[in-house]
Amino acid sequence: MKITGHKVIGWNIRSLDGGTTDVESILNRIKKRVSPGGIVLLHDTGKHSVLVLEQFLQFLQQNNYQVVSIEELLNLKAYAN
């Protein structure tokens, strides 16, 4: 957004955690779709999403993914160009 200086960030992995509280189902969905550079959409509206996040972060670590904040990702992209 040019006027406000905000950046628009999209996701490419939708967890669907707003429609179900089944942690295993949500976790399996995002694990199947994860790839380098991926951005996962998780909501902070339920305890089940926190459980998913904890388990997903462990999965990423075990599989040698590097987790970065959006701020870091934007800066990395700036240096890549």
C-alpha atoms as a PDB file:
ATOM      1  CA  MET A   1       0.000   0.000   0.000  1.00  0.00           C
ATOM      2  CA  LYS A   2       1.818   3.043  -1.245  1.00  0.00           C
ATOM      3  CA  ILE A   3      -0.069   5.641   0.772  1.00  0.00           C
ATOM      4  CA  THR A   4       0.306   4.013   4.201  1.00  0.00           C
ATOM      5  CA  GLY A   5       3.607   2.225   3.660  1.00  0.00           C
ATOM      6  CA  HIS A   6       2.077  -1.155   4.553  1.00  0.00           C
ATOM      7  CA  LYS A   7       2.964  -4.337   2.714  1.00  0.00           C
ATOM      8  CA  VAL A   8       0.381  -6.871   1.601  1.00  0.00           C
ATOM      9  CA  ILE A   9       1.311 -10.402   2.646  1.00  0.00           C
ATOM     10  CA  GLY A  10      -0.464 -13.460   1.330  1.00  0.00           C
ATOM     11  CA  TRP A  11      -0.295 -17.059   2.413  1.00  0.00           C
ATOM     12  CA  ASN A  12       0.042 -20.156   0.302  1.00  0.00           C
ATOM     13  CA  ILE A  13      -0.869 -22.747   2.948  1.00  0.00           C
ATOM     14  CA  ARG A  14      -4.314 -22.440   4.430  1.00  0.00           C
ATOM     15  CA  SER A  15      -4.735 -24.470   7.613  1.00  0.00           C
ATOM     16  CA  LEU A  16      -8.539 -24.316   7.763  1.00  0.00           C
ATOM     17  CA  ASP A  17      -8.170 -24.156  11.561  1.00  0.00           C
ATOM     18  CA  GLY A  18     -11.210 -21.900  11.783  1.00  0.00           C
ATOM     19  CA  GLY A  19     -13.489 -24.676  10.558  1.00  0.00           C
ATOM     20  CA  THR A  20     -12.311 -27.551  12.728  1.00  0.00           C
ATOM     21  CA  THR A  21     -10.680 -28.116  16.101  1.00  0.00           C
ATOM     22  CA  ASP A  22      -9.171 -31.477  15.099  1.00  0.00           C
ATOM     23  CA  VAL A  23      -5.462 -30.862  15.723  1.00  0.00           C
ATOM     24  CA  GLU A  24      -4.290 -33.945  13.787  1.00  0.00           C
ATOM     25  CA  SER A  25      -6.367 -33.044  10.744  1.00  0.00           C
ATOM     26  CA  ILE A  26      -5.070 -29.475  10.661  1.00  0.00           C
ATOM     27  CA  LEU A  27      -1.486 -30.557  11.273  1.00  0.00           C
ATOM     28  CA  ASN A  28      -1.601 -33.189   8.528  1.00  0.00           C
ATOM     29  CA  ARG A  29      -3.043 -30.649   6.101  1.00  0.00           C
ATOM     30  CA  ILE A  30      -0.266 -28.113   6.579  1.00  0.00           C
ATOM     31  CA  LYS A  31       2.528 -30.703   6.775  1.00  0.00           C
ATOM     32  CA  LYS A  32       1.503 -32.073   3.363  1.00  0.00           C
ATOM     33  CA  ARG A  33       1.591 -28.611   1.824  1.00  0.00           C
ATOM     34  CA  VAL A  34       4.727 -27.116   3.387  1.00  0.00           C
ATOM     35  CA  SER A  35       7.612 -26.104   1.128  1.00  0.00           C
ATOM     36  CA  PRO A  36      10.522 -23.653   1.326  1.00  0.00           C
ATOM     37  CA  GLY A  37       9.275 -20.056   1.342  1.00  0.00           C
ATOM     38  CA  GLY A  38       5.788 -21.111   2.356  1.00  0.00           C
ATOM     39  CA  ILE A  39       3.551 -18.931   4.500  1.00  0.00           C
ATOM     40  CA  VAL A  40       1.020 -20.759   6.671  1.00  0.00           C
ATOM     41  CA  LEU A  41      -2.239 -19.135   7.759  1.00  0.00           C
ATOM     42  CA  LEU A  42      -3.114 -20.045  11.353  1.00  0.00           C
ATOM     43  CA  HIS A  43      -5.632 -18.180  13.487  1.00  0.00           C
ATOM     44  CA  ASP A  44      -5.124 -17.268  17.136  1.00  0.00           C
ATOM     45  CA  THR A  45      -8.739 -17.779  18.105  1.00  0.00           C
ATOM     46  CA  GLY A  46      -8.570 -21.207  19.718  1.00  0.00           C
ATOM     47  CA  LYS A  47      -6.380 -23.406  21.889  1.00  0.00           C
ATOM     48  CA  HIS A  48      -6.330 -26.003  19.137  1.00  0.00           C
ATOM     49  CA  SER A  49      -4.424 -23.603  16.881  1.00  0.00           C
ATOM     50  CA  VAL A  50      -1.762 -23.109  19.557  1.00  0.00           C
ATOM     51  CA  LEU A  51      -1.338 -26.881  19.784  1.00  0.00           C
ATOM     52  CA  VAL A  52      -1.065 -27.105  16.003  1.00  0.00           C
ATOM     53  CA  LEU A  53       1.558 -24.354  15.951  1.00  0.00           C
ATOM     54  CA  GLU A  54       3.662 -26.052  18.638  1.00  0.00           C
ATOM     55  CA  GLN A  55       3.622 -29.379  16.824  1.00  0.00           C
ATOM     56  CA  PHE A  56       4.170 -27.791  13.425  1.00  0.00           C
ATOM     57  CA  LEU A  57       7.223 -25.855  14.654  1.00  0.00           C
ATOM     58  CA  GLN A  58       8.672 -29.130  15.984  1.00  0.00           C
ATOM     59  CA  PHE A  59       8.010 -30.790  12.622  1.00  0.00           C
ATOM     60  CA  LEU A  60       9.747 -27.948  10.788  1.00  0.00           C
ATOM     61  CA  GLN A  61      12.764 -28.118  13.079  1.00  0.00           C
ATOM     62  CA  GLN A  62      13.033 -31.908  12.694  1.00  0.00           C
ATOM     63  CA  ASN A  63      12.934 -31.488   8.912  1.00  0.00           C
ATOM     64  CA  ASN A  64      15.582 -28.744   8.808  1.00  0.00           C
ATOM     65  CA  TYR A  65      13.282 -25.893   7.826  1.00  0.00           C
ATOM     66  CA  GLN A  66      14.218 -22.411   8.971  1.00  0.00           C
ATOM     67  CA  VAL A  67      11.362 -20.396  10.472  1.00  0.00           C
ATOM     68  CA  VAL A  68      11.552 -16.635   9.971  1.00  0.00           C
ATOM     69  CA  SER A  69       9.264 -13.735  10.784  1.00  0.00           C
ATOM     70  CA  ILE A  70       7.519 -11.821   8.024  1.00  0.00           C
ATOM     71  CA  GLU A  71       9.860  -8.896   8.727  1.00  0.00           C
ATOM     72  CA  GLU A  72      12.874 -11.137   8.170  1.00  0.00           C
ATOM     73  CA  LEU A  73      11.320 -12.646   5.060  1.00  0.00           C
ATOM     74  CA  LEU A  74      10.726  -9.206   3.556  1.00  0.00           C
ATOM     75  CA  ASN A  75      14.308  -8.171   4.255  1.00  0.00           C
ATOM     76  CA  LEU A  76      15.645 -11.417   2.798  1.00  0.00           C
ATOM     77  CA  LYS A  77      13.581 -10.870  -0.341  1.00  0.00           C
ATOM     78  CA  ALA A  78      14.976  -7.329  -0.659  1.00  0.00           C
ATOM     79  CA  TYR A  79      18.533  -8.681  -0.627  1.00  0.00           C
ATOM     80  CA  ALA A  80      17.716 -11.443  -3.110  1.00  0.00           C
ATOM     81  CA  ASN A  81      16.668  -8.968  -5.819  1.00  0.00           C
END
